[in-house]
Protein backbone atom coordinates (compact mmCIF):
# COMPACT_ATOMS: atom_id res chain seq x y z
CA MET A 1 -12.94 34.45 35.06
CA GLN A 2 -15.12 37.52 34.86
CA LYS A 3 -13.62 40.29 32.66
CA ARG A 4 -12.55 43.29 34.71
CA GLU A 5 -14.64 46.44 33.99
CA SER A 6 -12.86 49.41 32.43
CA PRO A 7 -12.66 52.51 34.74
CA ILE A 8 -14.36 54.46 32.05
CA GLU A 9 -17.66 52.52 32.49
CA PRO A 10 -18.47 53.70 36.12
CA PHE A 11 -17.50 57.26 35.08
CA LYS A 12 -19.96 57.08 32.06
CA ARG A 13 -22.72 55.83 34.31
CA ALA A 14 -22.09 58.59 36.84
CA VAL A 15 -22.12 61.31 34.23
CA SER A 16 -25.26 59.94 32.58
CA ALA A 17 -27.07 59.82 35.94
CA ALA A 18 -26.02 63.37 36.84
CA THR A 19 -27.09 64.61 33.42
CA ARG A 20 -30.53 63.08 33.74
CA ALA A 21 -30.93 64.56 37.23
CA ILE A 22 -29.95 68.09 36.18
CA SER A 23 -32.05 68.01 33.00
CA ARG A 24 -34.99 66.32 34.78
CA ASP A 25 -35.31 64.07 31.72
CA LYS A 26 -35.57 60.55 33.07
CA GLU A 27 -35.51 59.19 29.48
CA LEU A 28 -32.30 60.92 28.52
CA ILE A 29 -29.77 58.46 26.95
CA LEU A 30 -26.21 59.57 26.20
CA SER A 31 -23.54 58.13 24.02
CA PHE A 32 -19.81 58.67 24.42
CA GLY A 33 -17.34 59.15 21.63
CA GLY A 34 -18.20 57.06 18.57
CA GLU A 35 -20.74 54.87 20.34
CA THR A 36 -23.98 54.26 18.42
CA GLY A 37 -26.93 53.43 20.58
CA GLY A 38 -29.62 53.54 18.01
CA GLY A 39 -32.38 56.09 17.78
CA ARG A 40 -32.79 56.23 21.53
CA VAL A 41 -29.65 58.46 21.99
CA LYS A 42 -30.54 62.13 22.77
CA GLY A 43 -27.08 63.46 23.40
CA ARG A 44 -23.45 62.71 22.66
CA LEU A 45 -20.37 63.45 24.74
CA PRO A 46 -16.60 63.12 24.12
CA LEU A 47 -15.01 60.03 25.43
CA PRO A 48 -12.08 60.46 27.91
CA SER A 49 -9.00 58.38 27.81
CA ARG A 50 -8.92 55.12 29.79
CA GLU A 51 -6.75 56.72 32.48
CA LEU A 52 -9.33 59.49 32.97
CA PRO A 53 -6.95 62.47 32.95
CA PRO A 54 -8.42 65.44 34.92
CA ASP A 55 -8.54 67.88 32.00
CA GLU A 56 -10.57 65.37 29.86
CA VAL A 57 -12.82 64.49 32.78
CA ALA A 58 -13.54 68.15 33.31
CA GLN A 59 -14.31 68.59 29.61
CA VAL A 60 -16.82 65.73 29.62
CA ARG A 61 -18.52 66.81 32.82
CA GLY A 62 -18.76 70.38 31.62
CA ALA A 63 -20.25 69.32 28.28
CA ALA A 64 -22.74 67.08 30.09
CA ASP A 65 -23.77 69.89 32.46
CA ALA A 66 -24.19 72.36 29.58
CA MET A 67 -26.35 69.88 27.66
CA ALA A 68 -28.48 69.16 30.73
CA LEU A 69 -28.98 72.87 31.46
CA ARG A 70 -30.10 73.55 27.94
CA ILE A 71 -32.61 70.70 28.02
CA ARG A 72 -34.04 72.02 31.31
CA TYR A 73 -34.06 75.75 30.84
CA HIS A 74 -34.26 76.21 27.02
CA ASN A 75 -37.36 76.27 24.83
CA ASP A 76 -36.75 75.81 21.10
CA GLN A 77 -40.03 77.39 20.01
CA VAL A 78 -39.34 80.61 21.89
CA HIS A 79 -35.75 80.60 20.60
CA ASN A 80 -36.69 80.11 17.01
CA ARG A 81 -39.40 82.79 16.95
CA THR A 82 -36.89 85.61 17.37
CA MET A 83 -33.98 84.02 15.45
CA PRO A 84 -32.20 86.89 13.50
CA GLN A 85 -30.99 86.86 9.92
CA GLY A 86 -27.41 86.30 8.93
CA ALA A 87 -25.00 83.52 10.02
CA LEU A 88 -22.96 85.75 12.31
CA ALA A 89 -26.11 87.29 13.92
CA ARG A 90 -27.55 83.79 14.50
CA ALA A 91 -24.21 82.60 15.99
CA VAL A 92 -24.18 85.49 18.50
CA TYR A 93 -27.85 84.87 19.32
CA ASP A 94 -27.24 81.11 19.92
CA ALA A 95 -24.12 81.83 22.00
CA ALA A 96 -25.90 84.34 24.20
CA GLU A 97 -28.71 81.81 24.87
CA GLN A 98 -26.21 79.10 25.80
CA ALA A 99 -24.55 81.53 28.13
CA ARG A 100 -27.95 82.15 29.78
CA VAL A 101 -28.72 78.55 30.53
CA GLU A 102 -25.13 77.85 31.69
CA ALA A 103 -25.27 80.92 33.93
CA ILE A 104 -28.46 79.64 35.61
CA GLY A 105 -26.66 76.41 36.51
CA THR A 106 -23.55 78.29 37.61
CA ASN A 107 -25.45 80.53 39.91
CA ARG A 108 -27.49 77.73 41.52
CA MET A 109 -25.02 74.80 41.75
CA LYS A 110 -21.41 75.11 42.85
CA GLY A 111 -20.35 71.75 41.35
CA VAL A 112 -21.88 72.63 38.01
CA ALA A 113 -20.12 76.00 38.11
CA GLU A 114 -16.77 74.28 38.61
CA ASN A 115 -17.44 71.83 35.80
CA LEU A 116 -18.48 74.54 33.31
CA SER A 117 -15.57 76.75 34.21
CA ALA A 118 -13.07 73.91 33.75
CA ALA A 119 -14.65 72.88 30.49
CA LEU A 120 -14.59 76.42 29.13
CA ASP A 121 -10.91 76.81 30.13
CA GLU A 122 -10.05 73.60 28.37
CA LYS A 123 -11.99 74.57 25.28
CA CYS A 124 -10.21 77.96 25.10
CA ARG A 125 -6.86 76.22 25.57
CA THR A 126 -7.39 73.54 22.88
CA ARG A 127 -8.73 76.10 20.37
CA GLY A 128 -5.66 78.26 20.85
CA TYR A 129 -7.41 81.44 21.96
CA ALA A 130 -4.41 82.51 23.89
CA ARG A 131 -2.45 82.87 20.67
CA ILE A 132 -4.94 85.24 19.03
CA SER A 133 -3.57 88.73 18.75
CA ASP A 134 -5.64 90.13 15.78
CA LYS A 135 -9.24 91.26 16.25
CA ALA A 136 -10.12 89.77 12.90
CA ASP A 137 -9.06 86.31 14.10
CA ALA A 138 -11.18 86.41 17.33
CA PRO A 139 -14.58 84.73 16.99
CA LEU A 140 -17.11 87.39 17.97
CA PRO A 141 -19.84 84.90 19.09
CA GLU A 142 -17.42 83.37 21.61
CA VAL A 143 -16.37 86.80 22.78
CA VAL A 144 -19.98 87.93 23.25
CA ALA A 145 -20.78 84.68 25.11
CA MET A 146 -17.95 85.27 27.56
CA LEU A 147 -18.94 88.88 28.12
CA VAL A 148 -22.56 87.76 28.73
CA ARG A 149 -21.36 85.06 31.12
CA GLU A 150 -19.24 87.71 32.95
CA ARG A 151 -22.40 89.86 33.39
CA LEU A 152 -24.73 86.99 34.42
CA THR A 153 -22.28 85.24 36.86
CA GLY A 154 -19.58 87.71 37.78
CA GLU A 155 -16.89 85.30 36.46
CA ALA A 156 -14.21 86.80 34.26
CA PRO A 157 -13.16 85.00 31.00
CA PRO A 158 -10.58 82.28 31.42
CA ALA A 159 -6.90 83.44 31.43
CA SER A 160 -6.47 81.62 28.09
CA ALA A 161 -9.13 83.78 26.49
CA LYS A 162 -8.64 87.09 28.27
CA LYS A 163 -6.42 88.57 25.62
CA MET A 164 -8.85 87.58 22.85
CA VAL A 165 -11.87 88.97 24.74
CA ASP A 166 -10.07 92.25 25.45
CA LEU A 167 -9.56 92.81 21.69
CA TRP A 168 -13.34 93.19 21.34
CA ARG A 169 -14.35 94.32 24.82
CA SER A 170 -14.24 98.13 24.27
CA PHE A 171 -16.12 97.84 21.00
CA VAL A 172 -18.88 95.65 22.55
CA GLU A 173 -19.12 97.68 25.73
CA ASP A 174 -19.37 100.95 23.85
CA LYS A 175 -22.08 99.69 21.45
CA ALA A 176 -24.10 97.36 23.68
CA GLY A 177 -22.96 97.88 27.25
CA LYS A 178 -26.34 99.04 28.51
CA ASP A 179 -28.20 96.06 27.03
CA LEU A 180 -25.56 93.69 28.38
CA ASP A 181 -26.31 95.09 31.89
CA LYS A 182 -30.03 94.45 31.40
CA LEU A 183 -29.57 90.76 30.62
CA THR A 184 -29.30 89.97 34.34
CA GLU A 185 -32.88 91.18 34.90
CA CYS A 186 -34.39 88.58 32.61
CA ILE A 187 -32.11 85.61 32.96
CA ASP A 188 -35.08 83.42 33.99
CA ASP A 189 -37.37 84.67 31.25
CA GLN A 190 -36.25 83.28 27.94
CA ARG A 191 -38.68 85.30 25.83
CA SER A 192 -37.61 88.60 27.29
CA TYR A 193 -33.98 87.60 27.19
CA ALA A 194 -34.33 86.63 23.51
CA ARG A 195 -35.75 90.02 22.61
CA LEU A 196 -33.01 91.71 24.45
CA SER A 197 -30.39 89.63 22.70
CA ARG A 198 -31.89 90.78 19.39
CA GLN A 199 -31.48 94.37 20.51
CA LEU A 200 -27.87 93.62 21.47
CA ILE A 201 -27.27 92.20 18.01
CA ARG A 202 -28.71 95.39 16.40
CA ASP A 203 -26.49 97.43 18.75
CA LEU A 204 -23.49 95.64 17.23
CA ASP A 205 -24.79 96.33 13.68
CA LEU A 206 -25.14 92.60 12.90
CA ALA A 207 -28.78 92.64 11.81
CA ASP A 208 -30.90 94.69 9.44
CA ASP A 209 -33.10 97.01 11.52
CA GLU A 210 -36.14 96.85 9.12
CA ASN A 211 -36.20 93.04 9.09
CA ALA A 212 -35.54 92.89 12.79
CA GLU A 213 -38.51 95.08 13.53
CA SER A 214 -40.68 92.91 11.32
CA ASP A 215 -39.56 89.79 13.08
CA GLN A 216 -40.06 91.44 16.44
CA SER A 217 -43.67 92.32 15.51
CA GLU A 218 -44.36 88.74 14.50
CA SER A 219 -42.79 87.53 17.75
CA ASN A 220 -45.04 89.81 19.78
CA ASP A 221 -48.15 88.63 17.99
CA GLU A 222 -47.26 84.96 18.49
CA SER A 223 -46.37 85.56 22.11
CA GLU A 224 -49.82 87.04 22.86
CA GLN A 225 -51.56 84.14 21.14
CA ASN A 226 -49.53 81.43 22.87
CA ASN A 227 -49.04 82.99 26.30
CA ASN A 228 -51.39 80.58 28.05
CA ALA A 229 -50.45 77.59 25.94
CA GLU A 230 -46.83 77.37 26.89
CA GLY A 231 -47.37 76.86 30.62
CA GLU A 232 -44.34 77.67 32.61
CA GLY A 233 -42.41 78.30 29.37
CA GLU A 234 -38.83 79.35 29.29
CA GLY A 235 -36.64 79.27 32.31
CA GLN A 236 -38.95 76.60 33.89
CA GLY A 237 -38.17 73.56 31.82
CA GLY A 238 -39.56 74.52 28.39
CA LYS A 239 -39.03 71.73 26.09
CA GLY A 240 -37.06 69.82 28.67
CA GLU A 241 -40.21 69.11 30.68
CA GLY A 242 -41.46 66.93 27.81
CA GLU A 243 -44.56 69.16 27.11
CA GLU A 244 -45.27 70.19 23.57
CA SER A 245 -46.85 73.61 23.07
CA PRO A 246 -50.19 73.48 21.30
CA SER A 247 -49.54 76.98 20.00
CA ASP A 248 -49.08 75.72 16.43
CA GLN A 249 -52.47 73.96 16.40
CA PRO A 250 -55.37 75.92 14.63
CA SER A 251 -58.28 76.85 16.82
CA GLU A 252 -61.85 77.56 15.91
CA SER A 253 -62.97 81.17 16.17
CA GLU A 254 -65.56 81.95 18.84
CA ASP A 255 -67.91 83.66 16.41
CA GLY A 256 -68.63 80.32 14.66
CA ASP A 257 -66.77 80.72 11.41
CA GLY A 258 -65.88 77.07 11.61
CA GLU A 259 -63.73 75.24 9.14
CA GLU A 260 -63.48 78.10 6.66
CA SER A 261 -61.56 80.21 9.27
CA GLU A 262 -59.25 77.22 10.01
CA ASP A 263 -58.50 76.77 6.31
CA SER A 264 -57.74 80.40 5.83
CA ALA A 265 -55.48 80.52 8.83
CA ALA A 266 -53.60 77.35 7.70
CA ALA A 267 -53.20 78.78 4.19
CA ALA A 268 -51.91 82.03 5.48
CA ALA A 269 -49.40 80.27 7.75
CA ALA A 270 -48.23 78.05 4.82
CA GLU A 271 -47.78 81.15 2.61
CA LYS A 272 -45.79 82.91 5.31
CA GLN A 273 -43.34 79.97 5.48
CA MET A 274 -43.02 79.48 1.78
CA VAL A 275 -42.82 83.00 0.46
CA GLY A 276 -39.51 84.85 0.86
CA LYS A 277 -39.95 88.15 2.69
CA GLY A 278 -38.58 91.40 1.13
CA THR A 279 -37.89 89.69 -2.22
CA GLU A 280 -40.32 91.61 -4.35
CA GLU A 281 -38.90 92.78 -7.67
CA PRO A 282 -40.54 94.83 -10.45
CA GLY A 283 -42.52 92.60 -12.75
CA ARG A 284 -41.86 89.45 -10.63
CA GLY A 285 -43.85 89.77 -7.44
CA LYS A 286 -42.89 87.55 -4.56
CA ARG A 287 -40.73 84.57 -5.12
CA VAL A 288 -41.39 81.14 -3.65
CA PHE A 289 -38.31 79.37 -2.40
CA LEU A 290 -37.95 75.61 -2.70
CA PRO A 291 -35.06 73.55 -1.27
CA ASN A 292 -33.09 73.70 -4.57
CA ASP A 293 -33.14 77.56 -4.26
CA LEU A 294 -30.84 77.39 -1.21
CA ASN A 295 -27.95 79.23 -2.89
CA ASN A 296 -30.29 82.03 -3.98
CA MET A 297 -31.72 82.21 -0.44
CA LEU A 298 -28.26 82.67 0.99
CA ALA A 299 -27.30 85.25 -1.57
CA ASN A 300 -30.40 87.32 -0.87
CA GLU A 301 -30.30 86.72 2.87
CA VAL A 302 -33.85 85.49 2.91
CA PRO A 303 -34.81 84.48 6.49
CA TYR A 304 -35.04 80.75 6.90
CA LYS A 305 -37.23 79.14 9.51
CA ALA A 306 -37.26 75.35 9.93
CA TYR A 307 -40.64 73.68 9.79
CA THR A 308 -39.61 71.52 12.79
CA THR A 309 -36.48 70.75 14.69
CA THR A 310 -37.94 67.71 16.39
CA HIS A 311 -35.82 65.25 14.43
CA ASP A 312 -32.58 67.30 14.24
CA GLU A 313 -29.37 66.07 15.70
CA ILE A 314 -26.28 68.19 16.04
CA VAL A 315 -22.98 66.39 16.46
CA HIS A 316 -19.79 68.39 16.92
CA ALA A 317 -16.72 67.21 15.12
CA ASP A 318 -14.74 66.64 18.27
CA ASN A 319 -17.40 64.11 19.39
CA LEU A 320 -16.83 61.87 16.38
CA CYS A 321 -13.45 60.51 17.51
CA ASP A 322 -11.56 60.28 20.70
CA PRO A 323 -8.82 62.75 21.86
CA GLU A 324 -5.99 60.49 20.68
CA GLU A 325 -7.41 60.38 17.15
CA LEU A 326 -7.90 64.17 17.18
CA THR A 327 -4.26 64.66 18.22
CA ARG A 328 -3.12 62.37 15.44
CA LEU A 329 -5.21 64.17 12.85
CA ARG A 330 -4.02 67.60 13.96
CA ALA A 331 -0.45 66.46 13.80
């Protein structure tokens, strides 16, 4: 007798197919819960219970849509060029970008909008945002993301997070209200949106102005050099289209300097990555940071830029075990 298929299996196949369609990545392979799947897996999603309760189904669908939209509309190279310093500033920057890609899907696809809204409501409920009554306990990146989402889609924060958002709303509106309004003008242009997000972060006094201006100058220079190499760029598939930008490849100068110019450019690029900015001290000069200097880097807030994120994998804790196990652990 053939073994009866679990009701979860058709659901997993449907979610995987929808995620590939939205992301436009035909090679996208997902795993659910604690499944392994080898090196071919590109994304992980929580595994719902066998009975497929509506709240868990909404959470999985919303997480899948959010992942697909980031693959399709997000470009890692553009994002990393204007990454701010400081953990909180980076968290706000990342949250604002995720709000952007999800807003694109929300505005264009009704089903995706419903999935994302249900998933956000479930996340706010499980994290206990409704119980937060002190401003210090409210996570600012989450609040900013919901305010950005409100601007880009017209949808108010979930009822379970309204009180938490209101704790910060007046502060954020007073400091960065004008820049929040401008985000809608560049929702489809990731580079412009990223720069405006940096300005928003400075409005909230979360980044050092001097370093921010330096990073902004570097971003502008790189943007001019790579304008033609990135094709459609952000908001049109970016990394999700499977095209790798050649912007990092050295090019020969037109005046015939040849290999010497290439070597000089490569050496300058290597020095820029290895030498900590703004760390000059009397009698010491510039300090070179190696991996074992991580604690000093954090203490001095030296900007860190990854050499490559190609092989990175981020797995959230709630994806490592099923909801029943999470409930047991929390108890």
